Amino acid sequence: AVGHGIEAANLSALAINTYRWSRR
């Protein structure tokens, strides 16, 4: 995810959870 800190963590968490939701 672009950037650093909590914003980047939230952004990559959104990517992972969307990935799992669609995959499942």
mmCIF file of all heavy atoms, coordinates in Angstrom:
data_MODEL
# 
_entry.id   MODEL 
# 
loop_
_atom_site.group_PDB 
_atom_site.id 
_atom_site.type_symbol 
_atom_site.label_atom_id 
_atom_site.label_alt_id 
_atom_site.label_comp_id 
_atom_site.label_asym_id 
_atom_site.label_entity_id 
_atom_site.label_seq_id 
_atom_site.pdbx_PDB_ins_code 
_atom_site.Cartn_x 
_atom_site.Cartn_y 
_atom_site.Cartn_z 
_atom_site.occupancy 
_atom_site.B_iso_or_equiv 
_atom_site.pdbx_formal_charge 
_atom_site.auth_seq_id 
_atom_site.auth_comp_id 
_atom_site.auth_asym_id 
_atom_site.auth_atom_id 
_atom_site.pdbx_PDB_model_num 
ATOM 1   N N   . ALA A 1 1  ? 0.833   -1.198  0.000  1.00 0.00 ? 1  ALA A N   1 
ATOM 2   C CA  . ALA A 1 1  ? 0.000   0.000   0.000  1.00 0.00 ? 1  ALA A CA  1 
ATOM 3   C C   . ALA A 1 1  ? 0.867   1.247   0.000  1.00 0.00 ? 1  ALA A C   1 
ATOM 4   O O   . ALA A 1 1  ? 1.925   1.293   0.634  1.00 0.00 ? 1  ALA A O   1 
ATOM 5   C CB  . ALA A 1 1  ? -0.918  0.000   1.218  1.00 0.00 ? 1  ALA A CB  1 
ATOM 6   N N   . VAL A 1 2  ? 0.398   2.275   -0.694 1.00 0.00 ? 2  VAL A N   1 
ATOM 7   C CA  . VAL A 1 2  ? 1.138   3.530   -0.763 1.00 0.00 ? 2  VAL A CA  1 
ATOM 8   C C   . VAL A 1 2  ? 1.197   4.179   0.613  1.00 0.00 ? 2  VAL A C   1 
ATOM 9   O O   . VAL A 1 2  ? 0.282   4.042   1.429  1.00 0.00 ? 2  VAL A O   1 
ATOM 10  C CB  . VAL A 1 2  ? 0.476   4.496   -1.779 1.00 0.00 ? 2  VAL A CB  1 
ATOM 11  C CG1 . VAL A 1 2  ? -0.911  4.922   -1.304 1.00 0.00 ? 2  VAL A CG1 1 
ATOM 12  C CG2 . VAL A 1 2  ? 1.351   5.724   -2.017 1.00 0.00 ? 2  VAL A CG2 1 
ATOM 13  N N   . GLY A 1 3  ? 2.305   4.880   0.870  1.00 0.00 ? 3  GLY A N   1 
ATOM 14  C CA  . GLY A 1 3  ? 2.423   5.617   2.112  1.00 0.00 ? 3  GLY A CA  1 
ATOM 15  C C   . GLY A 1 3  ? 2.963   4.778   3.256  1.00 0.00 ? 3  GLY A C   1 
ATOM 16  O O   . GLY A 1 3  ? 3.467   3.663   3.069  1.00 0.00 ? 3  GLY A O   1 
ATOM 17  N N   . HIS A 1 4  ? 2.813   5.323   4.461  1.00 0.00 ? 4  HIS A N   1 
ATOM 18  C CA  . HIS A 1 4  ? 3.317   4.672   5.657  1.00 0.00 ? 4  HIS A CA  1 
ATOM 19  C C   . HIS A 1 4  ? 2.295   4.837   6.778  1.00 0.00 ? 4  HIS A C   1 
ATOM 20  O O   . HIS A 1 4  ? 1.314   5.556   6.656  1.00 0.00 ? 4  HIS A O   1 
ATOM 21  C CB  . HIS A 1 4  ? 4.663   5.284   6.076  1.00 0.00 ? 4  HIS A CB  1 
ATOM 22  C CG  . HIS A 1 4  ? 5.735   5.169   5.033  1.00 0.00 ? 4  HIS A CG  1 
ATOM 23  N ND1 . HIS A 1 4  ? 6.470   4.028   4.839  1.00 0.00 ? 4  HIS A ND1 1 
ATOM 24  C CD2 . HIS A 1 4  ? 6.168   6.060   4.104  1.00 0.00 ? 4  HIS A CD2 1 
ATOM 25  C CE1 . HIS A 1 4  ? 7.329   4.218   3.849  1.00 0.00 ? 4  HIS A CE1 1 
ATOM 26  N NE2 . HIS A 1 4  ? 7.162   5.442   3.383  1.00 0.00 ? 4  HIS A NE2 1 
ATOM 27  N N   . GLY A 1 5  ? 2.561   4.152   7.891  1.00 0.00 ? 5  GLY A N   1 
ATOM 28  C CA  . GLY A 1 5  ? 1.732   4.334   9.066  1.00 0.00 ? 5  GLY A CA  1 
ATOM 29  C C   . GLY A 1 5  ? 0.373   3.670   8.965  1.00 0.00 ? 5  GLY A C   1 
ATOM 30  O O   . GLY A 1 5  ? 0.140   2.760   8.165  1.00 0.00 ? 5  GLY A O   1 
ATOM 31  N N   . ILE A 1 6  ? -0.552  4.154   9.791  1.00 0.00 ? 6  ILE A N   1 
ATOM 32  C CA  . ILE A 1 6  ? -1.849  3.513   9.928  1.00 0.00 ? 6  ILE A CA  1 
ATOM 33  C C   . ILE A 1 6  ? -2.663  3.595   8.644  1.00 0.00 ? 6  ILE A C   1 
ATOM 34  O O   . ILE A 1 6  ? -3.442  2.693   8.338  1.00 0.00 ? 6  ILE A O   1 
ATOM 35  C CB  . ILE A 1 6  ? -2.630  4.140   11.116 1.00 0.00 ? 6  ILE A CB  1 
ATOM 36  C CG1 . ILE A 1 6  ? -3.821  3.264   11.488 1.00 0.00 ? 6  ILE A CG1 1 
ATOM 37  C CG2 . ILE A 1 6  ? -3.039  5.574   10.812 1.00 0.00 ? 6  ILE A CG2 1 
ATOM 38  C CD1 . ILE A 1 6  ? -3.449  1.902   12.021 1.00 0.00 ? 6  ILE A CD1 1 
ATOM 39  N N   . GLU A 1 7  ? -2.490  4.657   7.845  1.00 0.00 ? 7  GLU A N   1 
ATOM 40  C CA  . GLU A 1 7  ? -3.234  4.755   6.591  1.00 0.00 ? 7  GLU A CA  1 
ATOM 41  C C   . GLU A 1 7  ? -2.833  3.636   5.639  1.00 0.00 ? 7  GLU A C   1 
ATOM 42  O O   . GLU A 1 7  ? -3.695  3.007   4.997  1.00 0.00 ? 7  GLU A O   1 
ATOM 43  C CB  . GLU A 1 7  ? -2.994  6.123   5.931  1.00 0.00 ? 7  GLU A CB  1 
ATOM 44  C CG  . GLU A 1 7  ? -3.559  7.312   6.688  1.00 0.00 ? 7  GLU A CG  1 
ATOM 45  C CD  . GLU A 1 7  ? -2.626  7.785   7.796  1.00 0.00 ? 7  GLU A CD  1 
ATOM 46  O OE1 . GLU A 1 7  ? -1.499  7.222   7.916  1.00 0.00 ? 7  GLU A OE1 1 
ATOM 47  O OE2 . GLU A 1 7  ? -3.019  8.695   8.539  1.00 0.00 ? 7  GLU A OE2 1 
ATOM 48  N N   . ALA A 1 8  ? -1.543  3.367   5.543  1.00 0.00 ? 8  ALA A N   1 
ATOM 49  C CA  . ALA A 1 8  ? -1.081  2.278   4.676  1.00 0.00 ? 8  ALA A CA  1 
ATOM 50  C C   . ALA A 1 8  ? -1.549  0.926   5.195  1.00 0.00 ? 8  ALA A C   1 
ATOM 51  O O   . ALA A 1 8  ? -1.937  0.049   4.419  1.00 0.00 ? 8  ALA A O   1 
ATOM 52  C CB  . ALA A 1 8  ? 0.441   2.307   4.569  1.00 0.00 ? 8  ALA A CB  1 
ATOM 53  N N   . ALA A 1 9  ? -1.527  0.740   6.530  1.00 0.00 ? 9  ALA A N   1 
ATOM 54  C CA  . ALA A 1 9  ? -1.982  -0.523  7.113  1.00 0.00 ? 9  ALA A CA  1 
ATOM 55  C C   . ALA A 1 9  ? -3.460  -0.758  6.812  1.00 0.00 ? 9  ALA A C   1 
ATOM 56  O O   . ALA A 1 9  ? -3.867  -1.861  6.437  1.00 0.00 ? 9  ALA A O   1 
ATOM 57  C CB  . ALA A 1 9  ? -1.746  -0.522  8.624  1.00 0.00 ? 9  ALA A CB  1 
ATOM 58  N N   . ASN A 1 10 ? -4.280  0.268   6.976  1.00 0.00 ? 10 ASN A N   1 
ATOM 59  C CA  . ASN A 1 10 ? -5.712  0.132   6.686  1.00 0.00 ? 10 ASN A CA  1 
ATOM 60  C C   . ASN A 1 10 ? -5.957  -0.144  5.213  1.00 0.00 ? 10 ASN A C   1 
ATOM 61  O O   . ASN A 1 10 ? -6.852  -0.911  4.849  1.00 0.00 ? 10 ASN A O   1 
ATOM 62  C CB  . ASN A 1 10 ? -6.452  1.401   7.120  1.00 0.00 ? 10 ASN A CB  1 
ATOM 63  C CG  . ASN A 1 10 ? -6.579  1.518   8.626  1.00 0.00 ? 10 ASN A CG  1 
ATOM 64  O OD1 . ASN A 1 10 ? -6.522  0.524   9.341  1.00 0.00 ? 10 ASN A OD1 1 
ATOM 65  N ND2 . ASN A 1 10 ? -6.739  2.744   9.109  1.00 0.00 ? 10 ASN A ND2 1 
ATOM 66  N N   . LEU A 1 11 ? -5.166  0.489   4.351  1.00 0.00 ? 11 LEU A N   1 
ATOM 67  C CA  . LEU A 1 11 ? -5.338  0.301   2.913  1.00 0.00 ? 11 LEU A CA  1 
ATOM 68  C C   . LEU A 1 11 ? -5.019  -1.122  2.496  1.00 0.00 ? 11 LEU A C   1 
ATOM 69  O O   . LEU A 1 11 ? -5.760  -1.753  1.731  1.00 0.00 ? 11 LEU A O   1 
ATOM 70  C CB  . LEU A 1 11 ? -4.443  1.297   2.176  1.00 0.00 ? 11 LEU A CB  1 
ATOM 71  C CG  . LEU A 1 11 ? -4.741  1.571   0.704  1.00 0.00 ? 11 LEU A CG  1 
ATOM 72  C CD1 . LEU A 1 11 ? -6.176  2.038   0.506  1.00 0.00 ? 11 LEU A CD1 1 
ATOM 73  C CD2 . LEU A 1 11 ? -3.754  2.618   0.168  1.00 0.00 ? 11 LEU A CD2 1 
ATOM 74  N N   . SER A 1 12 ? -3.918  -1.665  2.996  1.00 0.00 ? 12 SER A N   1 
ATOM 75  C CA  . SER A 1 12 ? -3.570  -3.046  2.630  1.00 0.00 ? 12 SER A CA  1 
ATOM 76  C C   . SER A 1 12 ? -4.527  -4.048  3.275  1.00 0.00 ? 12 SER A C   1 
ATOM 77  O O   . SER A 1 12 ? -4.827  -5.102  2.696  1.00 0.00 ? 12 SER A O   1 
ATOM 78  C CB  . SER A 1 12 ? -2.128  -3.361  3.007  1.00 0.00 ? 12 SER A CB  1 
ATOM 79  O OG  . SER A 1 12 ? -1.929  -3.266  4.394  1.00 0.00 ? 12 SER A OG  1 
ATOM 80  N N   . ALA A 1 13 ? -5.055  -3.720  4.486  1.00 0.00 ? 13 ALA A N   1 
ATOM 81  C CA  . ALA A 1 13 ? -6.052  -4.591  5.100  1.00 0.00 ? 13 ALA A CA  1 
ATOM 82  C C   . ALA A 1 13 ? -7.328  -4.623  4.257  1.00 0.00 ? 13 ALA A C   1 
ATOM 83  O O   . ALA A 1 13 ? -7.969  -5.674  4.116  1.00 0.00 ? 13 ALA A O   1 
ATOM 84  C CB  . ALA A 1 13 ? -6.369  -4.114  6.514  1.00 0.00 ? 13 ALA A CB  1 
ATOM 85  N N   . LEU A 1 14 ? -7.702  -3.477  3.678  1.00 0.00 ? 14 LEU A N   1 
ATOM 86  C CA  . LEU A 1 14 ? -8.856  -3.433  2.779  1.00 0.00 ? 14 LEU A CA  1 
ATOM 87  C C   . LEU A 1 14 ? -8.596  -4.303  1.548  1.00 0.00 ? 14 LEU A C   1 
ATOM 88  O O   . LEU A 1 14 ? -9.487  -5.049  1.102  1.00 0.00 ? 14 LEU A O   1 
ATOM 89  C CB  . LEU A 1 14 ? -9.129  -1.992  2.360  1.00 0.00 ? 14 LEU A CB  1 
ATOM 90  C CG  . LEU A 1 14 ? -10.214 -1.781  1.300  1.00 0.00 ? 14 LEU A CG  1 
ATOM 91  C CD1 . LEU A 1 14 ? -11.568 -2.282  1.786  1.00 0.00 ? 14 LEU A CD1 1 
ATOM 92  C CD2 . LEU A 1 14 ? -10.284 -0.297  0.896  1.00 0.00 ? 14 LEU A CD2 1 
ATOM 93  N N   . ALA A 1 15 ? -7.386  -4.247  1.012  1.00 0.00 ? 15 ALA A N   1 
ATOM 94  C CA  . ALA A 1 15 ? -7.044  -5.059  -0.159 1.00 0.00 ? 15 ALA A CA  1 
ATOM 95  C C   . ALA A 1 15 ? -7.147  -6.552  0.159  1.00 0.00 ? 15 ALA A C   1 
ATOM 96  O O   . ALA A 1 15 ? -7.728  -7.332  -0.607 1.00 0.00 ? 15 ALA A O   1 
ATOM 97  C CB  . ALA A 1 15 ? -5.640  -4.717  -0.636 1.00 0.00 ? 15 ALA A CB  1 
ATOM 98  N N   . ILE A 1 16 ? -6.581  -6.971  1.303  1.00 0.00 ? 16 ILE A N   1 
ATOM 99  C CA  . ILE A 1 16 ? -6.611  -8.385  1.676  1.00 0.00 ? 16 ILE A CA  1 
ATOM 100 C C   . ILE A 1 16 ? -8.036  -8.866  1.898  1.00 0.00 ? 16 ILE A C   1 
ATOM 101 O O   . ILE A 1 16 ? -8.431  -9.947  1.427  1.00 0.00 ? 16 ILE A O   1 
ATOM 102 C CB  . ILE A 1 16 ? -5.762  -8.634  2.933  1.00 0.00 ? 16 ILE A CB  1 
ATOM 103 C CG1 . ILE A 1 16 ? -4.290  -8.707  2.568  1.00 0.00 ? 16 ILE A CG1 1 
ATOM 104 C CG2 . ILE A 1 16 ? -6.161  -9.925  3.630  1.00 0.00 ? 16 ILE A CG2 1 
ATOM 105 C CD1 . ILE A 1 16 ? -3.399  -9.137  3.697  1.00 0.00 ? 16 ILE A CD1 1 
ATOM 106 N N   . ASN A 1 17 ? -8.827  -8.094  2.618  1.00 0.00 ? 17 ASN A N   1 
ATOM 107 C CA  . ASN A 1 17 ? -10.190 -8.544  2.910  1.00 0.00 ? 17 ASN A CA  1 
ATOM 108 C C   . ASN A 1 17 ? -11.063 -8.584  1.670  1.00 0.00 ? 17 ASN A C   1 
ATOM 109 O O   . ASN A 1 17 ? -11.913 -9.472  1.529  1.00 0.00 ? 17 ASN A O   1 
ATOM 110 C CB  . ASN A 1 17 ? -10.809 -7.658  3.999  1.00 0.00 ? 17 ASN A CB  1 
ATOM 111 C CG  . ASN A 1 17 ? -10.331 -8.037  5.384  1.00 0.00 ? 17 ASN A CG  1 
ATOM 112 O OD1 . ASN A 1 17 ? -10.566 -9.137  5.859  1.00 0.00 ? 17 ASN A OD1 1 
ATOM 113 N ND2 . ASN A 1 17 ? -9.622  -7.132  6.045  1.00 0.00 ? 17 ASN A ND2 1 
ATOM 114 N N   . THR A 1 18 ? -10.852 -7.662  0.743  1.00 0.00 ? 18 THR A N   1 
ATOM 115 C CA  . THR A 1 18 ? -11.578 -7.731  -0.531 1.00 0.00 ? 18 THR A CA  1 
ATOM 116 C C   . THR A 1 18 ? -11.125 -8.940  -1.330 1.00 0.00 ? 18 THR A C   1 
ATOM 117 O O   . THR A 1 18 ? -11.940 -9.627  -1.954 1.00 0.00 ? 18 THR A O   1 
ATOM 118 C CB  . THR A 1 18 ? -11.353 -6.441  -1.337 1.00 0.00 ? 18 THR A CB  1 
ATOM 119 O OG1 . THR A 1 18 ? -11.716 -5.305  -0.563 1.00 0.00 ? 18 THR A OG1 1 
ATOM 120 C CG2 . THR A 1 18 ? -12.185 -6.457  -2.615 1.00 0.00 ? 18 THR A CG2 1 
ATOM 121 N N   . TYR A 1 19 ? -9.840  -9.194  -1.319 1.00 0.00 ? 19 TYR A N   1 
ATOM 122 C CA  . TYR A 1 19 ? -9.293  -10.370 -2.004 1.00 0.00 ? 19 TYR A CA  1 
ATOM 123 C C   . TYR A 1 19 ? -9.933  -11.651 -1.475 1.00 0.00 ? 19 TYR A C   1 
ATOM 124 O O   . TYR A 1 19 ? -10.398 -12.501 -2.249 1.00 0.00 ? 19 TYR A O   1 
ATOM 125 C CB  . TYR A 1 19 ? -7.779  -10.379 -1.798 1.00 0.00 ? 19 TYR A CB  1 
ATOM 126 C CG  . TYR A 1 19 ? -7.039  -11.559 -2.392 1.00 0.00 ? 19 TYR A CG  1 
ATOM 127 C CD1 . TYR A 1 19 ? -7.177  -11.903 -3.729 1.00 0.00 ? 19 TYR A CD1 1 
ATOM 128 C CD2 . TYR A 1 19 ? -6.162  -12.311 -1.603 1.00 0.00 ? 19 TYR A CD2 1 
ATOM 129 C CE1 . TYR A 1 19 ? -6.473  -12.967 -4.277 1.00 0.00 ? 19 TYR A CE1 1 
ATOM 130 C CE2 . TYR A 1 19 ? -5.447  -13.367 -2.137 1.00 0.00 ? 19 TYR A CE2 1 
ATOM 131 C CZ  . TYR A 1 19 ? -5.616  -13.692 -3.472 1.00 0.00 ? 19 TYR A CZ  1 
ATOM 132 O OH  . TYR A 1 19 ? -4.916  -14.749 -4.002 1.00 0.00 ? 19 TYR A OH  1 
ATOM 133 N N   . ARG A 1 20 ? -9.998  -11.786 -0.165 1.00 0.00 ? 20 ARG A N   1 
ATOM 134 C CA  . ARG A 1 20 ? -10.597 -12.988 0.425  1.00 0.00 ? 20 ARG A CA  1 
ATOM 135 C C   . ARG A 1 20 ? -12.093 -13.075 0.129  1.00 0.00 ? 20 ARG A C   1 
ATOM 136 O O   . ARG A 1 20 ? -12.615 -14.147 -0.180 1.00 0.00 ? 20 ARG A O   1 
ATOM 137 C CB  . ARG A 1 20 ? -10.355 -12.981 1.933  1.00 0.00 ? 20 ARG A CB  1 
ATOM 138 C CG  . ARG A 1 20 ? -8.910  -13.194 2.316  1.00 0.00 ? 20 ARG A CG  1 
ATOM 139 C CD  . ARG A 1 20 ? -8.683  -12.975 3.800  1.00 0.00 ? 20 ARG A CD  1 
ATOM 140 N NE  . ARG A 1 20 ? -7.280  -13.223 4.155  1.00 0.00 ? 20 ARG A NE  1 
ATOM 141 C CZ  . ARG A 1 20 ? -6.720  -12.879 5.300  1.00 0.00 ? 20 ARG A CZ  1 
ATOM 142 N NH1 . ARG A 1 20 ? -7.446  -12.251 6.232  1.00 0.00 ? 20 ARG A NH1 1 
ATOM 143 N NH2 . ARG A 1 20 ? -5.453  -13.133 5.538  1.00 0.00 ? 20 ARG A NH2 1 
ATOM 144 N N   . TRP A 1 21 ? -12.779 -11.950 0.241  1.00 0.00 ? 21 TRP A N   1 
ATOM 145 C CA  . TRP A 1 21 ? -14.230 -11.933 -0.008 1.00 0.00 ? 21 TRP A CA  1 
ATOM 146 C C   . TRP A 1 21 ? -14.540 -12.399 -1.415 1.00 0.00 ? 21 TRP A C   1 
ATOM 147 O O   . TRP A 1 21 ? -15.401 -13.257 -1.626 1.00 0.00 ? 21 TRP A O   1 
ATOM 148 C CB  . TRP A 1 21 ? -14.760 -10.512 0.230  1.00 0.00 ? 21 TRP A CB  1 
ATOM 149 C CG  . TRP A 1 21 ? -16.159 -10.273 -0.243 1.00 0.00 ? 21 TRP A CG  1 
ATOM 150 C CD1 . TRP A 1 21 ? -17.313 -10.685 0.355  1.00 0.00 ? 21 TRP A CD1 1 
ATOM 151 C CD2 . TRP A 1 21 ? -16.537 -9.551  -1.409 1.00 0.00 ? 21 TRP A CD2 1 
ATOM 152 N NE1 . TRP A 1 21 ? -18.404 -10.271 -0.374 1.00 0.00 ? 21 TRP A NE1 1 
ATOM 153 C CE2 . TRP A 1 21 ? -17.956 -9.568  -1.456 1.00 0.00 ? 21 TRP A CE2 1 
ATOM 154 C CE3 . TRP A 1 21 ? -15.832 -8.880  -2.419 1.00 0.00 ? 21 TRP A CE3 1 
ATOM 155 C CZ2 . TRP A 1 21 ? -18.678 -8.949  -2.484 1.00 0.00 ? 21 TRP A CZ2 1 
ATOM 156 C CZ3 . TRP A 1 21 ? -16.531 -8.263  -3.431 1.00 0.00 ? 21 TRP A CZ3 1 
ATOM 157 C CH2 . TRP A 1 21 ? -17.935 -8.303  -3.461 1.00 0.00 ? 21 TRP A CH2 1 
ATOM 158 N N   . SER A 1 22 ? -13.832 -11.863 -2.402 1.00 0.00 ? 22 SER A N   1 
ATOM 159 C CA  . SER A 1 22 ? -14.082 -12.240 -3.795 1.00 0.00 ? 22 SER A CA  1 
ATOM 160 C C   . SER A 1 22 ? -13.654 -13.677 -4.065 1.00 0.00 ? 22 SER A C   1 
ATOM 161 O O   . SER A 1 22 ? -14.370 -14.442 -4.721 1.00 0.00 ? 22 SER A O   1 
ATOM 162 C CB  . SER A 1 22 ? -13.341 -11.279 -4.724 1.00 0.00 ? 22 SER A CB  1 
ATOM 163 O OG  . SER A 1 22 ? -13.547 -11.617 -6.076 1.00 0.00 ? 22 SER A OG  1 
ATOM 164 N N   . ARG A 1 23 ? -12.497 -14.048 -3.542 1.00 0.00 ? 23 ARG A N   1 
ATOM 165 C CA  . ARG A 1 23 ? -11.969 -15.399 -3.753 1.00 0.00 ? 23 ARG A CA  1 
ATOM 166 C C   . ARG A 1 23 ? -12.911 -16.457 -3.182 1.00 0.00 ? 23 ARG A C   1 
ATOM 167 O O   . ARG A 1 23 ? -13.157 -17.505 -3.803 1.00 0.00 ? 23 ARG A O   1 
ATOM 168 C CB  . ARG A 1 23 ? -10.596 -15.481 -3.102 1.00 0.00 ? 23 ARG A CB  1 
ATOM 169 C CG  . ARG A 1 23 ? -9.804  -16.736 -3.399 1.00 0.00 ? 23 ARG A CG  1 
ATOM 170 C CD  . ARG A 1 23 ? -8.523  -16.728 -2.601 1.00 0.00 ? 23 ARG A CD  1 
ATOM 171 N NE  . ARG A 1 23 ? -8.784  -16.847 -1.159 1.00 0.00 ? 23 ARG A NE  1 
ATOM 172 C CZ  . ARG A 1 23 ? -8.076  -16.248 -0.221 1.00 0.00 ? 23 ARG A CZ  1 
ATOM 173 N NH1 . ARG A 1 23 ? -7.073  -15.450 -0.526 1.00 0.00 ? 23 ARG A NH1 1 
ATOM 174 N NH2 . ARG A 1 23 ? -8.377  -16.429 1.061  1.00 0.00 ? 23 ARG A NH2 1 
ATOM 175 N N   . ARG A 1 24 ? -13.442 -16.205 -2.002 1.00 0.00 ? 24 ARG A N   1 
ATOM 176 C CA  . ARG A 1 24 ? -14.315 -17.177 -1.358 1.00 0.00 ? 24 ARG A CA  1 
ATOM 177 C C   . ARG A 1 24 ? -15.684 -17.267 -2.011 1.00 0.00 ? 24 ARG A C   1 
ATOM 178 O O   . ARG A 1 24 ? -16.420 -18.236 -1.770 1.00 0.00 ? 24 ARG A O   1 
ATOM 179 C CB  . ARG A 1 24 ? -14.446 -16.828 0.129  1.00 0.00 ? 24 ARG A CB  1 
ATOM 180 C CG  . ARG A 1 24 ? -13.145 -17.072 0.898  1.00 0.00 ? 24 ARG A CG  1 
ATOM 181 C CD  . ARG A 1 24 ? -13.124 -16.395 2.259  1.00 0.00 ? 24 ARG A CD  1 
ATOM 182 N NE  . ARG A 1 24 ? -11.845 -16.608 2.931  1.00 0.00 ? 24 ARG A NE  1 
ATOM 183 C CZ  . ARG A 1 24 ? -11.461 -15.995 4.054  1.00 0.00 ? 24 ARG A CZ  1 
ATOM 184 N NH1 . ARG A 1 24 ? -12.283 -15.111 4.631  1.00 0.00 ? 24 ARG A NH1 1 
ATOM 185 N NH2 . ARG A 1 24 ? -10.285 -16.246 4.594  1.00 0.00 ? 24 ARG A NH2 1 
# 
